[in-house]
Amino acid sequence: MHSRSPDSLFAQVQGESVSWGQFLAEAKVVASELPDGHYVINLCEDRYHFSLGFAASLIRGFVTLLPPDRSRRHLLQLERDYPGALILTDRLAEPEASSWRVARPTHIAPNHQNGLDLKPKQTAVIGFTSGSTGVPQAHIKTWGALCASARLIDTFLGGMAGVAILATVPAQHMYGLELSILLPLCRGAVLQSAKPFYPADIAEALATTGRPRILVTTPVHLRALIRSELSLPPVDFLVSATSPLDAAVAGVCEQRFEAPLLEIYGCTEAGSLAGRRPVQTESWSLFESLRLKREPGQAHAVVAPYLPVPVLLNDALSIIDERHFTLEGRSSDLINIAGKRTSLSALSHALLAIPGVDDGAFFLPDDTEMGSTRFVVFVVAPTLSSHTILEALRTELDAAFVPRAVHKLDRLPRSETGKLSRQALMEVMRKA
């Protein structure tokens, strides 16, 4: 864990500066007030409140459960699997019986300790992926593993001590947790409590964030920002993750923000693993001390000193050398038709490159679901007709991959991190 002075700046909370010592003191008070238990589900929206609840849970030895999303279905599943789990919230409404409202204690003197003083082997987090069956799959993270992953990210980004981090992604997502919570907790970065979503809110939040500052975001947010006519405050650099960003879009982002754009590749199972600057290279560079191991069936697993066992990756990789690789797409997205190979992500990139397309995605229904194996496309393109979009795709794609239909929507059913689940797209397909 990064050593820091109790007087150093830890967070900016609605314009107020909060020192590291002040945060530690507040976290200890919150920890002393938490009801007894073993597990918490931290749903706090304000990033400082989330950090208070997270640190308080660590102090008490509670494990924070991170659901794959905030759907009622998944929350109920966690409550069934982990009876008595306490829901942490910062909503103003009166919490339910199983909830505990996190709020800043008042009139608390700063703590003079340097850190949280936790054991590396303490279980800190259980992250969940949806799994092929839709049942959440648990992935245990120790405090030592979280700090080790934060150190690798910190090294890739060039050292985050004293750098303000504004993030559009939720703290409950592994990418959001690592970049916006763990870098401040473990590496000395400055936490920004806001979670702006719309372009105007992001621009306003950046304008009130001191330099040096970075924006941690996703391709969906970046496309919305560069489509807007807003004056975008410069940043020291941008960080994007959750899906690969097209080099052309990355270049426009760098021009608009007057800063480099860096991408991080990772997964809930293993955390952040590699990085790149897409305007310079298509290949990804593994973080130091990590290596890839080929498993039976041509799949790859990542090996790290802080991971108890190799973690199998869901993406198909093309290995360049022991430190570099390219992504072919998720293993489940790879497609082979009449000997011609591609991936749904590559097809979606071609769709998004069409001028006038604001958002879009290719989708391949199962035979058993829709009685056909032909592609369909969901697209947000107010100024384009379906015919125009199809003609543009016929120009760019092999005939085997041209969709049978284009479904125009007002918006796509993306999650908070910009991802599109198969279940959500299937639901749209049924209604189309």
Protein backbone atom coordinates (compact mmCIF):
# COMPACT_ATOMS: atom_id res chain seq x y z
CA MET A 1 0.00 0.00 0.00
CA HIS A 2 1.25 3.48 -0.91
CA SER A 3 2.62 5.39 2.08
CA ARG A 4 1.00 8.78 2.55
CA SER A 5 0.87 11.54 5.11
CA PRO A 6 -2.34 11.97 7.14
CA ASP A 7 -2.36 15.59 5.93
CA SER A 8 -2.27 14.67 2.23
CA LEU A 9 -5.34 15.30 0.10
CA PHE A 10 -7.53 12.20 -0.24
CA ALA A 11 -10.78 13.45 -1.76
CA GLN A 12 -12.79 16.36 -3.10
CA VAL A 13 -16.37 16.15 -1.84
CA GLN A 14 -18.72 18.77 -3.28
CA GLY A 15 -15.93 21.33 -3.30
CA GLU A 16 -14.58 20.40 0.14
CA SER A 17 -11.06 19.01 0.50
CA VAL A 18 -10.81 15.93 2.72
CA SER A 19 -7.42 14.80 4.02
CA TRP A 20 -6.31 11.20 4.28
CA GLY A 21 -6.36 11.46 8.08
CA GLN A 22 -9.87 12.90 8.05
CA PHE A 23 -11.11 10.07 5.83
CA LEU A 24 -9.54 7.42 8.09
CA ALA A 25 -11.15 8.98 11.15
CA GLU A 26 -14.57 9.08 9.49
CA ALA A 27 -14.22 5.49 8.25
CA LYS A 28 -13.42 4.27 11.77
CA VAL A 29 -16.54 5.97 13.12
CA VAL A 30 -18.73 4.44 10.41
CA ALA A 31 -17.11 1.05 11.13
CA SER A 32 -17.97 1.30 14.81
CA GLU A 33 -21.63 2.03 13.98
CA LEU A 34 -22.21 -0.77 11.46
CA PRO A 35 -24.45 -3.63 12.65
CA ASP A 36 -22.80 -7.00 13.17
CA GLY A 37 -22.58 -9.20 10.12
CA HIS A 38 -20.31 -10.78 7.54
CA TYR A 39 -21.28 -9.38 4.14
CA VAL A 40 -22.31 -6.00 2.72
CA ILE A 41 -23.70 -4.94 -0.65
CA ASN A 42 -22.42 -1.40 -1.17
CA LEU A 43 -24.88 0.51 -3.39
CA CYS A 44 -23.75 4.03 -2.47
CA GLU A 45 -23.90 6.39 -5.47
CA ASP A 46 -21.63 9.11 -4.11
CA ARG A 47 -18.07 7.84 -4.49
CA TYR A 48 -16.94 9.22 -1.13
CA HIS A 49 -19.84 7.52 0.63
CA PHE A 50 -18.95 4.29 -1.19
CA SER A 51 -15.34 4.64 0.01
CA LEU A 52 -16.47 5.25 3.59
CA GLY A 53 -18.68 2.16 3.49
CA PHE A 54 -15.98 0.11 1.81
CA ALA A 55 -13.24 1.11 4.25
CA ALA A 56 -15.56 0.68 7.24
CA SER A 57 -16.43 -2.82 6.04
CA LEU A 58 -12.74 -3.68 5.70
CA ILE A 59 -12.03 -2.41 9.20
CA ARG A 60 -14.82 -4.61 10.59
CA GLY A 61 -13.70 -7.61 8.53
CA PHE A 62 -16.85 -7.65 6.40
CA VAL A 63 -16.72 -8.75 2.76
CA THR A 64 -18.16 -6.41 0.12
CA LEU A 65 -20.29 -8.14 -2.52
CA LEU A 66 -20.22 -6.55 -5.98
CA PRO A 67 -23.25 -7.70 -8.03
CA PRO A 68 -22.93 -7.99 -11.84
CA ASP A 69 -25.51 -5.20 -12.07
CA ARG A 70 -28.10 -3.54 -9.87
CA SER A 71 -31.10 -5.39 -11.22
CA ARG A 72 -33.54 -6.51 -8.56
CA ARG A 73 -33.10 -10.10 -9.79
CA HIS A 74 -29.37 -10.14 -9.03
CA LEU A 75 -29.74 -8.33 -5.70
CA LEU A 76 -32.35 -10.83 -4.56
CA GLN A 77 -30.05 -13.66 -5.67
CA LEU A 78 -27.22 -12.29 -3.52
CA GLU A 79 -29.53 -11.86 -0.55
CA ARG A 80 -30.57 -15.52 -0.91
CA ASP A 81 -26.98 -16.76 -1.30
CA TYR A 82 -25.60 -14.57 1.51
CA PRO A 83 -28.33 -14.40 4.17
CA GLY A 84 -28.11 -11.35 6.38
CA ALA A 85 -26.02 -9.33 3.91
CA LEU A 86 -26.31 -5.65 4.82
CA ILE A 87 -27.15 -3.24 1.99
CA LEU A 88 -25.21 0.03 2.27
CA THR A 89 -26.95 2.99 0.68
CA ASP A 90 -26.69 6.79 0.66
CA ARG A 91 -30.20 7.50 -0.55
CA LEU A 92 -32.05 10.12 1.43
CA ALA A 93 -35.18 7.99 1.76
CA GLU A 94 -35.52 5.91 4.90
CA PRO A 95 -33.60 2.65 4.34
CA GLU A 96 -35.35 -0.71 4.38
CA ALA A 97 -34.85 -3.09 7.28
CA SER A 98 -31.88 -4.79 5.54
CA SER A 99 -30.27 -1.45 4.61
CA TRP A 100 -27.90 0.90 6.38
CA ARG A 101 -27.51 4.49 5.31
CA VAL A 102 -23.92 5.70 4.98
CA ALA A 103 -23.37 9.35 5.86
CA ARG A 104 -20.34 11.39 6.87
CA PRO A 105 -19.88 11.69 10.63
CA THR A 106 -19.67 15.27 11.86
CA HIS A 107 -17.12 16.97 14.11
CA ILE A 108 -14.56 14.18 13.82
CA ALA A 109 -10.89 15.01 14.43
CA PRO A 110 -8.46 13.68 11.78
CA ASN A 111 -6.70 10.38 12.42
CA HIS A 112 -2.89 10.49 12.55
CA GLN A 113 -2.31 6.95 11.25
CA ASN A 114 -0.92 6.41 7.76
CA GLY A 115 -3.27 3.68 6.55
CA LEU A 116 -6.01 1.14 7.14
CA ASP A 117 -3.60 -1.45 8.62
CA LEU A 118 -5.23 -4.49 7.00
CA LYS A 119 -3.84 -7.98 6.48
CA PRO A 120 -3.05 -8.81 2.83
CA LYS A 121 -4.86 -12.17 3.03
CA GLN A 122 -8.09 -10.63 4.32
CA THR A 123 -10.98 -11.30 1.95
CA ALA A 124 -12.12 -7.83 0.86
CA VAL A 125 -14.43 -8.29 -2.11
CA ILE A 126 -16.41 -10.93 -3.92
CA GLY A 127 -17.09 -9.82 -7.49
CA PHE A 128 -19.71 -11.51 -9.62
CA THR A 129 -19.99 -12.23 -13.32
CA SER A 130 -23.26 -13.26 -14.88
CA GLY A 131 -22.00 -16.64 -16.08
CA SER A 132 -23.23 -18.56 -19.12
CA THR A 133 -26.33 -19.68 -17.22
CA GLY A 134 -27.17 -16.21 -15.94
CA VAL A 135 -26.46 -17.31 -12.36
CA PRO A 136 -23.85 -14.98 -10.78
CA GLN A 137 -20.41 -16.59 -10.50
CA ALA A 138 -18.35 -15.55 -7.45
CA HIS A 139 -14.72 -14.38 -7.63
CA ILE A 140 -12.94 -13.76 -4.33
CA LYS A 141 -10.48 -10.85 -3.97
CA THR A 142 -8.15 -10.39 -1.01
CA TRP A 143 -7.03 -6.96 0.14
CA GLY A 144 -3.48 -7.83 -0.90
CA ALA A 145 -4.62 -8.78 -4.41
CA LEU A 146 -6.60 -5.55 -4.78
CA CYS A 147 -3.61 -3.46 -3.71
CA ALA A 148 -1.29 -5.41 -6.02
CA SER A 149 -3.61 -4.81 -8.97
CA ALA A 150 -3.83 -1.11 -8.09
CA ARG A 151 -0.03 -0.91 -8.07
CA LEU A 152 0.16 -2.36 -11.60
CA ILE A 153 -2.42 0.13 -12.87
CA ASP A 154 -0.58 2.94 -11.12
CA THR A 155 2.67 1.95 -12.84
CA PHE A 156 1.00 1.77 -16.26
CA LEU A 157 -0.53 5.22 -15.80
CA GLY A 158 2.76 6.73 -14.70
CA GLY A 159 2.03 7.28 -10.99
CA MET A 160 -1.28 8.61 -9.70
CA ALA A 161 -0.20 10.17 -6.38
CA GLY A 162 -1.83 13.61 -6.19
CA VAL A 163 -3.76 13.16 -9.45
CA ALA A 164 -7.52 13.84 -9.31
CA ILE A 165 -9.63 11.01 -10.73
CA LEU A 166 -13.08 11.83 -12.11
CA ALA A 167 -14.97 8.71 -13.17
CA THR A 168 -18.22 8.11 -15.04
CA VAL A 169 -18.27 4.40 -14.18
CA PRO A 170 -19.88 3.00 -11.02
CA ALA A 171 -17.67 2.03 -8.10
CA GLN A 172 -19.53 -1.31 -7.93
CA HIS A 173 -17.95 -2.42 -11.23
CA MET A 174 -14.42 -3.89 -11.00
CA TYR A 175 -13.02 -1.29 -13.43
CA GLY A 176 -14.65 1.51 -11.45
CA LEU A 177 -13.52 0.03 -8.15
CA GLU A 178 -9.90 -0.31 -9.22
CA LEU A 179 -9.53 3.07 -10.91
CA SER A 180 -11.73 5.38 -8.84
CA ILE A 181 -11.58 3.77 -5.38
CA LEU A 182 -8.42 1.65 -5.06
CA LEU A 183 -6.06 4.15 -6.70
CA PRO A 184 -7.05 6.75 -4.05
CA LEU A 185 -7.05 4.19 -1.22
CA CYS A 186 -3.87 2.34 -2.18
CA ARG A 187 -1.81 4.68 -4.39
CA GLY A 188 -2.40 8.25 -3.26
CA ALA A 189 -4.69 9.48 -6.05
CA VAL A 190 -7.35 12.10 -5.24
CA LEU A 191 -10.91 10.76 -5.22
CA GLN A 192 -13.68 12.86 -6.76
CA SER A 193 -17.03 12.08 -5.17
CA ALA A 194 -19.18 12.84 -8.24
CA LYS A 195 -20.36 10.27 -10.79
CA PRO A 196 -21.40 12.38 -13.80
CA PHE A 197 -23.22 10.61 -16.62
CA TYR A 198 -24.40 13.05 -19.31
CA PRO A 199 -21.89 15.05 -21.41
CA ALA A 200 -22.85 18.41 -19.86
CA ASP A 201 -22.45 16.98 -16.35
CA ILE A 202 -19.06 15.46 -17.21
CA ALA A 203 -17.80 18.74 -18.69
CA GLU A 204 -19.00 20.70 -15.64
CA ALA A 205 -17.44 18.22 -13.20
CA LEU A 206 -14.12 18.35 -15.05
CA ALA A 207 -14.12 22.14 -15.02
CA THR A 208 -14.38 22.14 -11.22
CA THR A 209 -11.73 19.42 -10.73
CA GLY A 210 -8.20 20.64 -10.08
CA ARG A 211 -5.17 19.67 -12.16
CA PRO A 212 -3.57 17.26 -12.65
CA ARG A 213 -6.79 15.41 -13.48
CA ILE A 214 -7.82 12.38 -15.49
CA LEU A 215 -11.17 11.14 -16.76
CA VAL A 216 -11.94 7.45 -16.23
CA THR A 217 -14.73 6.46 -18.59
CA THR A 218 -16.02 4.12 -21.31
CA PRO A 219 -16.33 4.16 -25.13
CA VAL A 220 -20.05 4.93 -24.84
CA HIS A 221 -19.41 8.06 -22.76
CA LEU A 222 -16.52 9.12 -25.01
CA ARG A 223 -18.63 8.88 -28.16
CA ALA A 224 -21.36 10.94 -26.51
CA LEU A 225 -18.81 13.56 -25.45
CA ILE A 226 -17.24 13.99 -28.88
CA ARG A 227 -20.66 14.11 -30.57
CA SER A 228 -21.66 16.96 -28.28
CA GLU A 229 -20.85 20.54 -29.18
CA LEU A 230 -19.70 21.27 -25.65
CA SER A 231 -16.42 22.94 -24.84
CA LEU A 232 -14.55 20.09 -23.14
CA PRO A 233 -12.05 21.04 -20.43
CA PRO A 234 -8.57 19.62 -21.07
CA VAL A 235 -7.35 16.71 -18.98
CA ASP A 236 -3.92 15.27 -18.40
CA PHE A 237 -5.06 12.02 -19.97
CA LEU A 238 -8.11 9.84 -20.53
CA VAL A 239 -8.61 6.24 -19.44
CA SER A 240 -11.12 3.97 -21.15
CA ALA A 241 -12.15 0.35 -20.62
CA THR A 242 -15.04 -2.18 -20.84
CA SER A 243 -14.68 -2.59 -24.64
CA PRO A 244 -11.90 -1.78 -27.14
CA LEU A 245 -11.99 1.71 -28.64
CA ASP A 246 -11.54 2.28 -32.36
CA ALA A 247 -8.26 4.10 -33.15
CA ALA A 248 -10.07 6.79 -35.16
CA VAL A 249 -12.45 7.56 -32.30
CA ALA A 250 -9.52 7.57 -29.88
CA GLY A 251 -7.77 10.11 -32.10
CA VAL A 252 -10.77 12.44 -32.06
CA CYS A 253 -10.96 12.11 -28.27
CA GLU A 254 -7.30 13.05 -27.94
CA GLN A 255 -7.85 16.14 -30.10
CA ARG A 256 -10.96 17.28 -28.23
CA PHE A 257 -9.42 16.79 -24.78
CA GLU A 258 -5.87 17.78 -25.77
CA ALA A 259 -4.54 14.70 -24.00
CA PRO A 260 -3.45 11.09 -24.59
CA LEU A 261 -6.07 8.34 -24.30
CA LEU A 262 -5.02 5.09 -22.62
CA GLU A 263 -7.00 1.87 -22.57
CA ILE A 264 -7.05 -0.86 -19.96
CA TYR A 265 -7.97 -4.48 -20.60
CA GLY A 266 -9.19 -6.69 -17.80
CA CYS A 267 -12.03 -8.72 -16.38
CA THR A 268 -13.91 -9.15 -13.12
CA GLU A 269 -12.25 -12.52 -12.57
CA ALA A 270 -8.65 -11.20 -12.61
CA GLY A 271 -8.85 -7.39 -12.55
CA SER A 272 -6.87 -5.11 -14.87
CA LEU A 273 -4.27 -6.99 -16.90
CA ALA A 274 -2.91 -4.93 -19.79
CA GLY A 275 -2.91 -1.51 -21.41
CA ARG A 276 -2.30 0.34 -24.65
CA ARG A 277 -2.62 3.71 -26.39
CA PRO A 278 -4.92 2.86 -29.33
CA VAL A 279 -3.76 5.71 -31.60
CA GLN A 280 -0.28 4.19 -31.49
CA THR A 281 -0.85 0.44 -31.47
CA GLU A 282 -3.47 -2.27 -31.79
CA SER A 283 -1.59 -4.60 -29.47
CA TRP A 284 -1.93 -4.78 -25.69
CA SER A 285 1.01 -4.84 -23.27
CA LEU A 286 0.70 -7.08 -20.23
CA PHE A 287 1.31 -5.37 -16.91
CA GLU A 288 4.55 -6.29 -15.20
CA SER A 289 4.77 -9.64 -13.38
CA LEU A 290 1.82 -11.06 -15.34
CA ARG A 291 2.03 -13.81 -17.94
CA LEU A 292 -0.34 -15.74 -20.18
CA LYS A 293 -0.68 -19.50 -20.13
CA ARG A 294 -2.34 -21.52 -22.87
CA GLU A 295 -4.97 -23.89 -21.57
CA PRO A 296 -6.51 -26.96 -23.27
CA GLY A 297 -8.83 -25.98 -26.10
CA GLN A 298 -6.62 -23.03 -27.16
CA ALA A 299 -8.00 -20.75 -24.42
CA HIS A 300 -5.64 -18.54 -22.44
CA ALA A 301 -5.34 -17.95 -18.72
CA VAL A 302 -3.57 -15.15 -16.89
CA VAL A 303 -1.04 -15.97 -14.17
CA ALA A 304 -0.18 -13.38 -11.51
CA PRO A 305 1.68 -13.51 -8.18
CA TYR A 306 -1.44 -12.29 -6.36
CA LEU A 307 -3.88 -14.73 -8.01
CA PRO A 308 -4.16 -18.09 -6.20
CA VAL A 309 -4.72 -19.97 -9.48
CA PRO A 310 -4.52 -19.08 -13.20
CA VAL A 311 -7.68 -17.28 -14.34
CA LEU A 312 -9.20 -18.39 -17.63
CA LEU A 313 -10.01 -15.50 -19.99
CA ASN A 314 -13.25 -15.35 -21.95
CA ASP A 315 -11.57 -13.49 -24.82
CA ALA A 316 -9.74 -15.06 -27.76
CA LEU A 317 -6.17 -13.70 -27.92
CA SER A 318 -3.59 -13.64 -30.67
CA ILE A 319 -0.19 -13.83 -28.99
CA ILE A 320 2.58 -11.62 -30.44
CA ASP A 321 5.24 -12.36 -27.82
CA GLU A 322 5.37 -13.03 -24.08
CA ARG A 323 4.40 -9.42 -23.27
CA HIS A 324 2.08 -8.46 -26.14
CA PHE A 325 -1.16 -9.70 -27.70
CA THR A 326 -4.15 -8.58 -29.75
CA LEU A 327 -7.80 -9.27 -29.06
CA GLU A 328 -9.86 -11.26 -31.55
CA GLY A 329 -13.02 -10.79 -29.51
CA ARG A 330 -14.86 -12.69 -26.83
CA SER A 331 -14.73 -16.41 -27.41
CA SER A 332 -18.53 -16.50 -27.47
CA ASP A 333 -18.60 -13.71 -30.09
CA LEU A 334 -16.31 -15.34 -32.66
CA ILE A 335 -18.13 -16.33 -35.83
CA ASN A 336 -17.19 -18.63 -38.71
CA ILE A 337 -19.52 -18.64 -41.72
CA ALA A 338 -18.52 -20.56 -44.85
CA GLY A 339 -14.90 -20.46 -43.72
CA LYS A 340 -14.94 -16.71 -43.14
CA ARG A 341 -14.10 -15.55 -39.63
CA THR A 342 -15.02 -12.41 -37.75
CA SER A 343 -16.46 -11.35 -34.39
CA LEU A 344 -19.55 -9.48 -33.31
CA SER A 345 -17.34 -6.73 -31.87
CA ALA A 346 -15.56 -6.26 -35.22
CA LEU A 347 -18.90 -6.04 -37.02
CA SER A 348 -20.17 -3.53 -34.47
CA HIS A 349 -17.04 -1.42 -35.00
CA ALA A 350 -17.83 -1.27 -38.72
CA LEU A 351 -21.36 -0.17 -37.89
CA LEU A 352 -20.21 2.56 -35.51
CA ALA A 353 -17.80 3.89 -38.16
CA ILE A 354 -20.70 4.89 -40.45
CA PRO A 355 -21.19 8.69 -40.33
CA GLY A 356 -24.50 9.46 -38.66
CA VAL A 357 -24.57 6.32 -36.48
CA ASP A 358 -24.59 7.42 -32.84
CA ASP A 359 -24.70 3.93 -31.35
CA GLY A 360 -25.27 0.41 -32.56
CA ALA A 361 -24.55 -3.28 -32.25
CA PHE A 362 -24.71 -6.50 -34.25
CA PHE A 363 -26.68 -9.38 -32.80
CA LEU A 364 -26.88 -13.03 -33.82
CA PRO A 365 -29.96 -14.80 -32.41
CA ASP A 366 -29.75 -18.50 -31.69
CA ASP A 367 -31.63 -20.87 -34.00
CA THR A 368 -33.79 -21.97 -31.12
CA GLU A 369 -34.61 -18.38 -30.19
CA MET A 370 -35.61 -16.80 -33.48
CA GLY A 371 -35.57 -19.57 -36.08
CA SER A 372 -32.73 -17.96 -38.03
CA THR A 373 -28.95 -17.53 -37.95
CA ARG A 374 -28.94 -14.26 -39.90
CA PHE A 375 -27.55 -11.15 -38.26
CA VAL A 376 -29.72 -8.29 -37.12
CA VAL A 377 -28.56 -4.80 -36.24
CA PHE A 378 -29.75 -2.42 -33.55
CA VAL A 379 -28.84 1.17 -34.28
CA VAL A 380 -29.32 4.70 -33.00
CA ALA A 381 -29.08 6.95 -36.07
CA PRO A 382 -31.75 9.68 -36.15
CA THR A 383 -30.68 11.13 -39.53
CA LEU A 384 -30.21 7.85 -41.44
CA SER A 385 -32.69 5.43 -42.97
CA SER A 386 -32.40 1.68 -42.49
CA HIS A 387 -31.74 1.34 -46.23
CA THR A 388 -28.82 3.80 -46.06
CA ILE A 389 -27.27 1.89 -43.17
CA LEU A 390 -27.63 -1.46 -44.97
CA GLU A 391 -26.04 -0.06 -48.12
CA ALA A 392 -23.11 1.27 -46.12
CA LEU A 393 -22.63 -2.13 -44.48
CA ARG A 394 -22.74 -3.90 -47.84
CA THR A 395 -19.86 -1.67 -48.92
CA GLU A 396 -17.76 -2.48 -45.85
CA LEU A 397 -18.58 -6.12 -45.06
CA ASP A 398 -18.41 -9.49 -46.74
CA ALA A 399 -21.87 -10.51 -47.94
CA ALA A 400 -21.92 -13.37 -45.41
CA PHE A 401 -21.99 -10.85 -42.57
CA VAL A 402 -24.50 -8.32 -43.92
CA PRO A 403 -27.53 -8.25 -41.59
CA ARG A 404 -31.02 -9.24 -42.62
CA ALA A 405 -32.58 -6.25 -40.88
CA VAL A 406 -31.79 -2.95 -39.21
CA HIS A 407 -33.82 -2.03 -36.14
CA LYS A 408 -33.68 1.68 -35.34
CA LEU A 409 -33.99 2.57 -31.66
CA ASP A 410 -33.98 5.73 -29.59
CA ARG A 411 -31.30 4.17 -27.40
CA LEU A 412 -29.65 0.81 -26.76
CA PRO A 413 -30.21 -1.03 -23.45
CA ARG A 414 -26.69 -0.48 -22.18
CA SER A 415 -25.62 -1.02 -18.59
CA GLU A 416 -23.97 1.68 -16.46
CA THR A 417 -20.61 0.67 -17.91
CA GLY A 418 -21.87 0.75 -21.49
CA LYS A 419 -22.13 -3.01 -21.95
CA LEU A 420 -24.88 -4.79 -23.84
CA SER A 421 -25.98 -8.12 -22.43
CA ARG A 422 -27.35 -10.83 -24.68
CA GLN A 423 -30.43 -11.02 -22.50
CA ALA A 424 -31.15 -7.29 -22.97
CA LEU A 425 -30.70 -7.50 -26.75
CA MET A 426 -32.90 -10.59 -26.91
CA GLU A 427 -35.63 -8.69 -25.10
CA VAL A 428 -35.35 -5.85 -27.63
CA MET A 429 -35.47 -8.39 -30.46
CA ARG A 430 -38.69 -9.90 -29.13
CA LYS A 431 -40.32 -6.47 -29.06
CA ALA A 432 -39.04 -5.36 -32.48
